[in-house]
Amino acid sequence: MPGQGPEPGAEPYPEPYPGPYADLSGATAGEVLGEYLSRQATEFLRSLRLHEESASRPESVSAAAEAVRLLRRSARRIGAVLQVYRPLTDTARADQLGAELAWLAGVLGRERMYEARLDRLLGALHRLSSAPSSGPGGTASTGTAASAATATASGASGGGLGAGVARAGALLERQLTLARTRAHSAALQALGSARFHAVADAVAVLASEAPLADPAASATGERALRALPPLAEQAHRRAAQAVEALPLTRARQSYNGEAFAHTLAVDGELDAAWNRVRLLVRLRRYAHEVIGQDDPALAAAGRALDRHRDAAEAAAAAAAAARTPRIAPTTAYALGVLHADQRHEVEAARFTFGRLWRPVLSVPPVAVGGTAPEGAVPDPEPVPQPVPGPVTGAERSGRGGG
């Protein structure tokens, strides 16, 4: 079923925080933040050492890839916490380190991104080429909405995608392999640069000394239960407001024709808004790890948003390949069917997210009642949304990752 999990070989989707959670009782905000950042910095340095040990050995390619994944996971968490709890930090140091970690995570993630995208598209082409043909009247007798649309198109053309599948796959492989090679070279260049070594040195300092603001001029000396939850709640409200701007009413209708026709017509016009929601939901998750809260439904919603991103980017890659000059009509047709299939995956992910999102308060009322630290800008209350129906076990399925 579309949208139920990552393609084989894809980077794992977010999993619950590996812990351990901090004990907020009796601790100050500075102590809790310092402990969390120190733990993530230690994981960053451990992953960096693992990568250095395995990158030079051909038999350790998988270990090097895993080290990069763990390194990026720690970098994302450090950057997110420095952003959410910025009023409690030395803003000059925190902003600079956060920007450098975002650069590093982006550079290191591109190679794996292109590899997973190619695996996804080639797997989808194989699935589409072996889909059952349509029955009388051009209607597929079995399969999901995506395979039904594909089978109908195949039946209208006189059967199967034919030779176009092989040519489309070869074209995608050439384009994405080239992009992956360039990303690999950029990652190696980044890892050997003075900029990267400066980032590694800053993270090493972070392991023993968090960039916290002076307790006399901030809330870092206050009790964690009083100073941290209001800032975490702001991260939740920003995510809730971004979700409110999405067309969730249409997305909650399972595989409806209007939604699919709309997503094809605008060709992913809303993808940027959905991706912004993905980033804000991830920011919210990382912010709440600091105060010891983990919402399984939110983690599942994050997985749906990651599937949305993967499908939208894969659809864009198929559309870009179809615009290659002087390709055969059968190749262009196969790429068009592949694009439609991935846009179906986009709609499936939006439907799943619409069922999973719960716009509730993210921290207990006793914690919300605390005073926000100086410098924090309160967000307006989010507009209440209707509570979705029950979530099925299949919609909660999916692997976890960083």
Protein backbone atom coordinates (compact mmCIF):
# COMPACT_ATOMS: atom_id res chain seq x y z
CA MET A 1 0.00 0.00 0.00
CA PRO A 2 1.42 3.43 -0.88
CA GLY A 3 2.91 5.37 1.98
CA GLN A 4 3.26 2.44 4.36
CA GLY A 5 7.04 2.41 4.68
CA PRO A 6 10.38 3.34 3.14
CA GLU A 7 11.61 1.77 -0.05
CA PRO A 8 14.29 -0.91 0.32
CA GLY A 9 17.61 0.74 0.99
CA ALA A 10 16.11 4.04 2.04
CA GLU A 11 17.43 5.89 5.06
CA PRO A 12 15.46 4.86 8.16
CA TYR A 13 12.77 7.21 9.33
CA PRO A 14 12.83 8.88 12.76
CA GLU A 15 12.57 6.59 15.74
CA PRO A 16 11.81 7.45 19.36
CA TYR A 17 14.61 9.13 21.25
CA PRO A 18 17.13 6.51 22.46
CA GLY A 19 17.36 8.26 25.83
CA PRO A 20 17.96 8.40 28.69
CA TYR A 21 15.70 11.31 29.53
CA ALA A 22 16.82 13.93 32.01
CA ASP A 23 15.32 14.18 35.48
CA LEU A 24 13.84 17.68 35.69
CA SER A 25 12.98 17.50 39.35
CA GLY A 26 15.40 19.65 41.34
CA ALA A 27 17.62 20.47 38.34
CA THR A 28 18.14 23.88 36.82
CA ALA A 29 17.45 24.65 33.17
CA GLY A 30 21.17 25.10 32.53
CA GLU A 31 21.98 21.70 34.02
CA VAL A 32 19.36 19.89 31.92
CA LEU A 33 20.38 21.64 28.71
CA GLY A 34 24.07 21.08 29.41
CA GLU A 35 23.56 17.38 30.06
CA TYR A 36 21.55 16.89 26.85
CA LEU A 37 24.01 18.82 24.67
CA SER A 38 26.98 17.03 26.22
CA ARG A 39 25.41 13.65 25.48
CA GLN A 40 24.71 14.57 21.86
CA ALA A 41 28.18 16.04 21.40
CA THR A 42 29.71 12.82 22.74
CA GLU A 43 27.66 10.82 20.23
CA PHE A 44 28.82 13.16 17.46
CA LEU A 45 32.48 12.65 18.34
CA ARG A 46 32.04 8.88 18.70
CA SER A 47 30.42 8.70 15.25
CA LEU A 48 33.20 10.84 13.78
CA ARG A 49 35.84 8.51 15.18
CA LEU A 50 33.97 5.48 13.78
CA HIS A 51 33.82 7.11 10.37
CA GLU A 52 37.54 7.90 10.36
CA GLU A 53 38.34 4.28 11.27
CA SER A 54 36.08 2.72 8.63
CA ALA A 55 36.16 5.18 5.70
CA SER A 56 39.59 4.06 4.50
CA ARG A 57 38.68 0.35 4.38
CA PRO A 58 36.60 -0.89 1.41
CA GLU A 59 35.13 -3.72 3.49
CA SER A 60 33.73 -1.18 5.99
CA VAL A 61 31.54 0.82 3.62
CA SER A 62 28.37 0.00 5.56
CA ALA A 63 30.02 0.97 8.86
CA ALA A 64 31.10 4.30 7.38
CA ALA A 65 27.57 4.96 6.10
CA GLU A 66 26.13 4.16 9.52
CA ALA A 67 28.66 6.49 11.15
CA VAL A 68 27.57 9.32 8.84
CA ARG A 69 23.92 8.66 9.70
CA LEU A 70 24.62 8.80 13.44
CA LEU A 71 26.77 11.89 13.02
CA ARG A 72 23.96 13.67 11.17
CA ARG A 73 21.45 12.57 13.81
CA SER A 74 23.49 14.15 16.60
CA ALA A 75 24.11 17.29 14.54
CA ARG A 76 20.38 17.75 13.90
CA ARG A 77 19.53 17.36 17.57
CA ILE A 78 22.19 19.77 18.76
CA GLY A 79 21.15 22.38 16.21
CA ALA A 80 17.46 22.00 17.02
CA VAL A 81 17.94 22.33 20.78
CA LEU A 82 20.16 25.37 20.37
CA GLN A 83 17.43 26.94 18.22
CA VAL A 84 14.45 26.15 20.45
CA TYR A 85 16.16 27.07 23.71
CA ARG A 86 18.03 30.03 22.24
CA PRO A 87 16.94 32.48 25.01
CA LEU A 88 18.92 30.34 27.47
CA THR A 89 22.12 30.24 25.43
CA ASP A 90 25.01 32.47 24.50
CA THR A 91 23.31 33.43 21.23
CA ALA A 92 26.49 34.29 19.33
CA ARG A 93 28.06 30.88 19.95
CA ALA A 94 24.82 28.97 19.64
CA ASP A 95 23.77 30.58 16.35
CA GLN A 96 27.16 30.04 14.74
CA LEU A 97 27.38 26.41 15.83
CA GLY A 98 23.79 25.71 14.77
CA ALA A 99 24.40 27.13 11.29
CA GLU A 100 27.58 25.12 10.84
CA LEU A 101 25.91 21.89 11.98
CA ALA A 102 23.04 22.49 9.54
CA TRP A 103 25.59 22.92 6.74
CA LEU A 104 27.39 19.72 7.73
CA ALA A 105 24.22 17.62 8.02
CA GLY A 106 23.07 18.82 4.61
CA VAL A 107 26.37 18.09 2.84
CA LEU A 108 26.74 14.65 4.39
CA GLY A 109 23.15 13.65 3.67
CA ARG A 110 23.02 14.32 -0.08
CA GLU A 111 24.84 11.18 -1.20
CA ARG A 112 22.50 8.89 0.73
CA MET A 113 19.52 10.96 -0.46
CA TYR A 114 20.31 10.34 -4.13
CA GLU A 115 20.99 6.66 -3.49
CA ALA A 116 17.66 6.17 -1.70
CA ARG A 117 15.81 8.14 -4.40
CA LEU A 118 17.23 5.94 -7.15
CA ASP A 119 16.31 2.78 -5.21
CA ARG A 120 12.80 4.12 -4.71
CA LEU A 121 12.25 5.04 -8.37
CA LEU A 122 13.70 1.82 -9.78
CA GLY A 123 11.62 -0.21 -7.34
CA ALA A 124 8.50 1.70 -8.35
CA LEU A 125 9.24 1.14 -12.05
CA HIS A 126 9.60 -2.58 -11.43
CA ARG A 127 6.34 -2.66 -9.50
CA LEU A 128 4.48 -0.68 -12.14
CA SER A 129 5.77 -2.79 -15.04
CA SER A 130 4.58 -5.97 -13.33
CA ALA A 131 1.21 -4.55 -12.19
CA PRO A 132 -1.87 -6.58 -13.27
CA SER A 133 -3.47 -5.38 -16.47
CA SER A 134 -6.91 -3.80 -16.40
CA GLY A 135 -10.10 -5.75 -16.80
CA PRO A 136 -13.02 -5.05 -19.14
CA GLY A 137 -13.76 -1.38 -19.50
CA GLY A 138 -10.24 -0.34 -18.50
CA THR A 139 -10.75 -0.75 -14.72
CA ALA A 140 -8.22 -2.64 -12.65
CA SER A 141 -9.70 -5.55 -10.76
CA THR A 142 -7.26 -5.51 -7.84
CA GLY A 143 -4.66 -3.31 -6.19
CA THR A 144 -4.49 0.08 -4.61
CA ALA A 145 -5.59 3.37 -6.05
CA ALA A 146 -2.11 3.97 -7.43
CA SER A 147 -1.86 0.60 -9.17
CA ALA A 148 -5.42 0.98 -10.40
CA ALA A 149 -4.61 4.28 -12.08
CA THR A 150 -1.47 2.76 -13.57
CA ALA A 151 -3.27 -0.33 -14.81
CA THR A 152 -5.94 1.82 -16.40
CA ALA A 153 -3.29 3.85 -18.21
CA SER A 154 -1.52 0.68 -19.29
CA GLY A 155 -4.73 -0.84 -20.58
CA ALA A 156 -5.48 2.29 -22.59
CA SER A 157 -2.09 2.08 -24.28
CA GLY A 158 -2.56 -1.51 -25.34
CA GLY A 159 -0.84 -3.25 -22.46
CA GLY A 160 2.21 -2.76 -20.17
CA LEU A 161 4.82 -0.04 -20.09
CA GLY A 162 7.01 -2.12 -22.37
CA ALA A 163 10.45 -0.99 -23.48
CA GLY A 164 9.95 2.42 -21.93
CA VAL A 165 10.54 0.99 -18.46
CA ALA A 166 14.08 -0.17 -19.18
CA ARG A 167 14.98 3.08 -20.89
CA ALA A 168 13.41 5.18 -18.16
CA GLY A 169 15.30 3.21 -15.52
CA ALA A 170 18.58 3.62 -17.38
CA LEU A 171 18.01 7.38 -17.73
CA LEU A 172 17.20 7.79 -14.03
CA GLU A 173 20.20 5.69 -13.06
CA ARG A 174 22.55 7.83 -15.15
CA GLN A 175 21.21 11.10 -13.78
CA LEU A 176 20.99 10.10 -10.12
CA THR A 177 24.28 8.19 -10.11
CA LEU A 178 26.00 11.29 -11.45
CA ALA A 179 24.35 13.41 -8.77
CA ARG A 180 25.35 10.88 -6.11
CA THR A 181 28.97 10.86 -7.30
CA ARG A 182 29.12 14.63 -7.10
CA ALA A 183 27.56 14.56 -3.63
CA HIS A 184 30.13 11.97 -2.52
CA SER A 185 32.97 14.18 -3.74
CA ALA A 186 31.45 17.20 -1.98
CA ALA A 187 31.15 15.21 1.27
CA LEU A 188 34.78 14.08 1.11
CA GLN A 189 35.88 17.63 0.42
CA ALA A 190 33.81 18.92 3.34
CA LEU A 191 35.19 16.31 5.75
CA GLY A 192 38.73 17.36 4.86
CA SER A 193 38.11 21.09 5.05
CA ALA A 194 39.21 23.53 7.72
CA ARG A 195 35.55 24.45 8.15
CA PHE A 196 34.67 20.91 9.20
CA HIS A 197 37.58 20.69 11.64
CA ALA A 198 36.43 23.94 13.21
CA VAL A 199 32.95 22.44 13.65
CA ALA A 200 34.42 19.29 15.20
CA ASP A 201 36.46 21.40 17.61
CA ALA A 202 33.36 23.38 18.58
CA VAL A 203 31.44 20.18 19.25
CA ALA A 204 34.33 18.86 21.34
CA VAL A 205 34.09 22.00 23.47
CA LEU A 206 30.33 21.50 23.66
CA ALA A 207 30.84 18.07 25.22
CA SER A 208 32.28 19.70 28.33
CA GLU A 209 30.95 23.26 28.19
CA ALA A 210 27.49 24.12 26.87
CA PRO A 211 27.06 27.62 25.37
CA LEU A 212 24.69 28.80 28.08
CA ALA A 213 23.85 32.38 28.90
CA ASP A 214 24.89 34.03 32.15
CA PRO A 215 22.42 32.87 34.86
CA ALA A 216 22.28 36.44 36.15
CA ALA A 217 20.89 37.65 32.81
CA SER A 218 18.74 34.67 31.81
CA ALA A 219 16.63 31.83 33.16
CA THR A 220 19.37 29.19 33.04
CA GLY A 221 19.56 29.27 36.82
CA GLU A 222 15.83 28.71 37.25
CA ARG A 223 14.26 25.33 37.86
CA ALA A 224 14.02 23.30 34.67
CA LEU A 225 10.31 22.60 35.22
CA ARG A 226 9.70 26.34 35.15
CA ALA A 227 12.06 27.56 32.40
CA LEU A 228 12.11 24.80 29.76
CA PRO A 229 8.47 23.76 29.09
CA PRO A 230 7.30 27.21 27.88
CA LEU A 231 9.99 27.22 25.19
CA ALA A 232 9.14 23.66 24.20
CA GLU A 233 5.49 24.68 23.99
CA GLN A 234 6.39 27.47 21.58
CA ALA A 235 7.98 24.88 19.27
CA HIS A 236 4.75 22.89 19.40
CA ARG A 237 2.64 25.95 18.62
CA ARG A 238 4.74 26.87 15.63
CA ALA A 239 4.27 23.37 14.25
CA ALA A 240 0.54 23.47 14.98
CA GLN A 241 0.15 26.79 13.19
CA ALA A 242 1.99 25.47 10.12
CA VAL A 243 -0.24 22.40 10.09
CA GLU A 244 -3.33 24.61 10.36
CA ALA A 245 -2.39 26.25 7.05
CA LEU A 246 -2.39 22.89 5.25
CA PRO A 247 -5.48 21.54 3.40
CA LEU A 248 -5.97 18.73 5.92
CA THR A 249 -9.71 18.48 5.21
CA ARG A 250 -8.97 17.27 1.69
CA ALA A 251 -5.96 15.22 2.79
CA ARG A 252 -8.04 13.24 5.30
CA GLN A 253 -10.16 11.77 2.48
CA SER A 254 -8.52 8.48 1.58
CA TYR A 255 -7.28 8.38 -2.03
CA ASN A 256 -9.97 10.73 -3.31
CA GLY A 257 -9.87 11.76 -6.96
CA GLU A 258 -10.16 15.48 -6.22
CA ALA A 259 -6.99 15.47 -4.10
CA PHE A 260 -5.03 13.51 -6.69
CA ALA A 261 -6.20 15.71 -9.57
CA HIS A 262 -5.24 18.77 -7.53
CA THR A 263 -1.75 17.46 -6.70
CA LEU A 264 -1.11 16.72 -10.38
CA ALA A 265 -2.47 20.09 -11.50
CA VAL A 266 -0.30 22.19 -9.18
CA ASP A 267 2.61 19.72 -9.55
CA GLY A 268 3.70 19.86 -5.95
CA GLU A 269 3.00 23.52 -5.31
CA LEU A 270 2.19 22.73 -1.69
CA ASP A 271 5.20 20.47 -1.20
CA ALA A 272 7.25 23.33 0.27
CA ALA A 273 4.57 24.03 2.89
CA TRP A 274 4.41 20.34 3.82
CA ASN A 275 8.19 20.18 4.05
CA ARG A 276 8.19 23.17 6.39
CA VAL A 277 5.71 21.31 8.58
CA ARG A 278 8.05 18.29 8.55
CA LEU A 279 10.94 20.42 9.80
CA LEU A 280 8.83 22.08 12.50
CA VAL A 281 7.43 18.74 13.72
CA ARG A 282 10.97 17.39 13.92
CA LEU A 283 12.05 20.51 15.82
CA ARG A 284 9.15 19.95 18.21
CA ARG A 285 10.19 16.31 18.79
CA TYR A 286 13.79 17.22 19.58
CA ALA A 287 12.74 20.08 21.87
CA HIS A 288 10.56 17.74 23.92
CA GLU A 289 13.29 15.15 24.24
CA VAL A 290 15.08 17.62 26.51
CA ILE A 291 12.18 17.71 28.96
CA GLY A 292 11.62 13.95 28.85
CA GLN A 293 8.51 13.75 26.69
CA ASP A 294 7.98 11.34 23.81
CA ASP A 295 4.75 11.13 21.82
CA PRO A 296 4.52 7.92 19.73
CA ALA A 297 1.74 9.41 17.60
CA LEU A 298 3.95 12.39 16.80
CA ALA A 299 6.81 10.09 15.82
CA ALA A 300 4.42 8.26 13.48
CA ALA A 301 3.28 11.59 12.03
CA GLY A 302 6.92 12.48 11.45
CA ARG A 303 7.42 9.24 9.54
CA ALA A 304 4.44 10.11 7.34
CA LEU A 305 5.98 13.52 6.60
CA ASP A 306 9.29 11.89 5.72
CA ARG A 307 7.50 9.57 3.31
CA HIS A 308 5.81 12.65 1.85
CA ARG A 309 9.17 14.32 1.27
CA ASP A 310 10.67 11.19 -0.31
CA ALA A 311 7.73 10.71 -2.67
CA ALA A 312 7.54 14.38 -3.65
CA GLU A 313 11.26 14.54 -4.44
CA ALA A 314 11.07 11.27 -6.36
CA ALA A 315 8.14 12.60 -8.40
CA ALA A 316 10.13 15.76 -9.18
CA ALA A 317 13.10 13.63 -10.29
CA ALA A 318 10.84 11.61 -12.62
CA ALA A 319 9.37 14.80 -14.07
CA ALA A 320 12.84 16.28 -14.60
CA ALA A 321 13.97 13.12 -16.37
CA ALA A 322 10.90 13.24 -18.62
CA ARG A 323 11.98 16.71 -19.77
CA THR A 324 15.27 15.34 -21.12
CA PRO A 325 15.55 16.36 -24.81
CA ARG A 326 15.13 13.77 -27.56
CA ILE A 327 14.00 10.82 -25.44
CA ALA A 328 11.71 8.20 -26.96
CA PRO A 329 7.93 8.64 -26.48
CA THR A 330 7.74 5.29 -24.66
CA THR A 331 10.40 6.47 -22.22
CA ALA A 332 8.57 9.74 -21.58
CA TYR A 333 5.33 7.82 -21.09
CA ALA A 334 6.91 5.47 -18.54
CA LEU A 335 8.34 8.44 -16.65
CA GLY A 336 4.94 10.12 -16.69
CA VAL A 337 3.30 7.05 -15.18
CA LEU A 338 6.09 6.92 -12.59
CA HIS A 339 5.51 10.59 -11.74
CA ALA A 340 1.78 9.95 -11.24
CA ASP A 341 2.55 6.93 -9.05
CA GLN A 342 4.81 8.98 -6.79
CA ARG A 343 2.21 11.76 -6.55
CA HIS A 344 -0.20 9.05 -5.37
CA GLU A 345 2.37 8.24 -2.69
CA VAL A 346 2.39 11.93 -1.75
CA GLU A 347 -1.39 11.91 -1.26
CA ALA A 348 -1.20 8.68 0.74
CA ALA A 349 1.37 10.25 3.08
CA ARG A 350 -0.80 13.37 3.49
CA PHE A 351 -3.79 11.20 4.33
CA THR A 352 -1.79 9.28 6.93
CA PHE A 353 -0.50 12.47 8.52
CA GLY A 354 -4.01 13.95 8.63
CA ARG A 355 -5.17 10.91 10.60
CA LEU A 356 -2.22 10.98 13.00
CA TRP A 357 -1.88 14.68 13.82
CA ARG A 358 -3.22 15.59 17.24
CA PRO A 359 -3.25 19.37 17.86
CA VAL A 360 -3.10 19.09 21.66
CA LEU A 361 -1.04 20.93 24.22
CA SER A 362 2.44 19.51 24.25
CA VAL A 363 3.29 20.02 27.94
CA PRO A 364 1.33 19.47 31.15
CA PRO A 365 -0.76 22.44 32.35
CA VAL A 366 1.34 22.77 35.50
CA ALA A 367 4.41 23.33 33.33
CA VAL A 368 2.68 25.65 30.88
CA GLY A 369 1.79 27.90 33.72
CA GLY A 370 5.45 28.82 34.20
CA THR A 371 6.84 32.13 33.05
CA ALA A 372 8.67 32.08 29.74
CA PRO A 373 12.32 33.09 29.95
CA GLU A 374 13.32 36.59 28.97
CA GLY A 375 13.68 36.94 25.21
CA ALA A 376 11.07 34.32 24.34
CA VAL A 377 8.35 35.61 22.03
CA PRO A 378 4.98 33.99 22.73
CA ASP A 379 3.07 32.63 19.75
CA PRO A 380 -0.67 33.05 19.35
CA GLU A 381 -2.89 30.16 20.31
CA PRO A 382 -3.39 27.68 17.45
CA VAL A 383 -6.84 27.34 15.98
CA PRO A 384 -8.43 24.13 17.33
CA GLN A 385 -8.89 21.32 14.82
CA PRO A 386 -11.31 18.41 14.90
CA VAL A 387 -9.80 15.27 16.39
CA PRO A 388 -9.18 12.64 13.69
CA GLY A 389 -10.59 9.12 13.92
CA PRO A 390 -8.78 6.13 15.36
CA VAL A 391 -5.41 5.21 13.90
CA THR A 392 -5.04 1.75 12.41
CA GLY A 393 -2.09 -0.48 13.12
CA ALA A 394 -0.99 -0.38 9.48
CA GLU A 395 -0.77 3.40 9.55
CA ARG A 396 1.53 3.25 12.58
CA SER A 397 3.89 0.81 10.88
CA GLY A 398 7.31 1.82 9.55
CA ARG A 399 10.91 1.63 10.58
CA GLY A 400 12.65 4.05 12.87
CA GLY A 401 15.89 5.92 12.44
CA GLY A 402 17.69 9.08 13.55
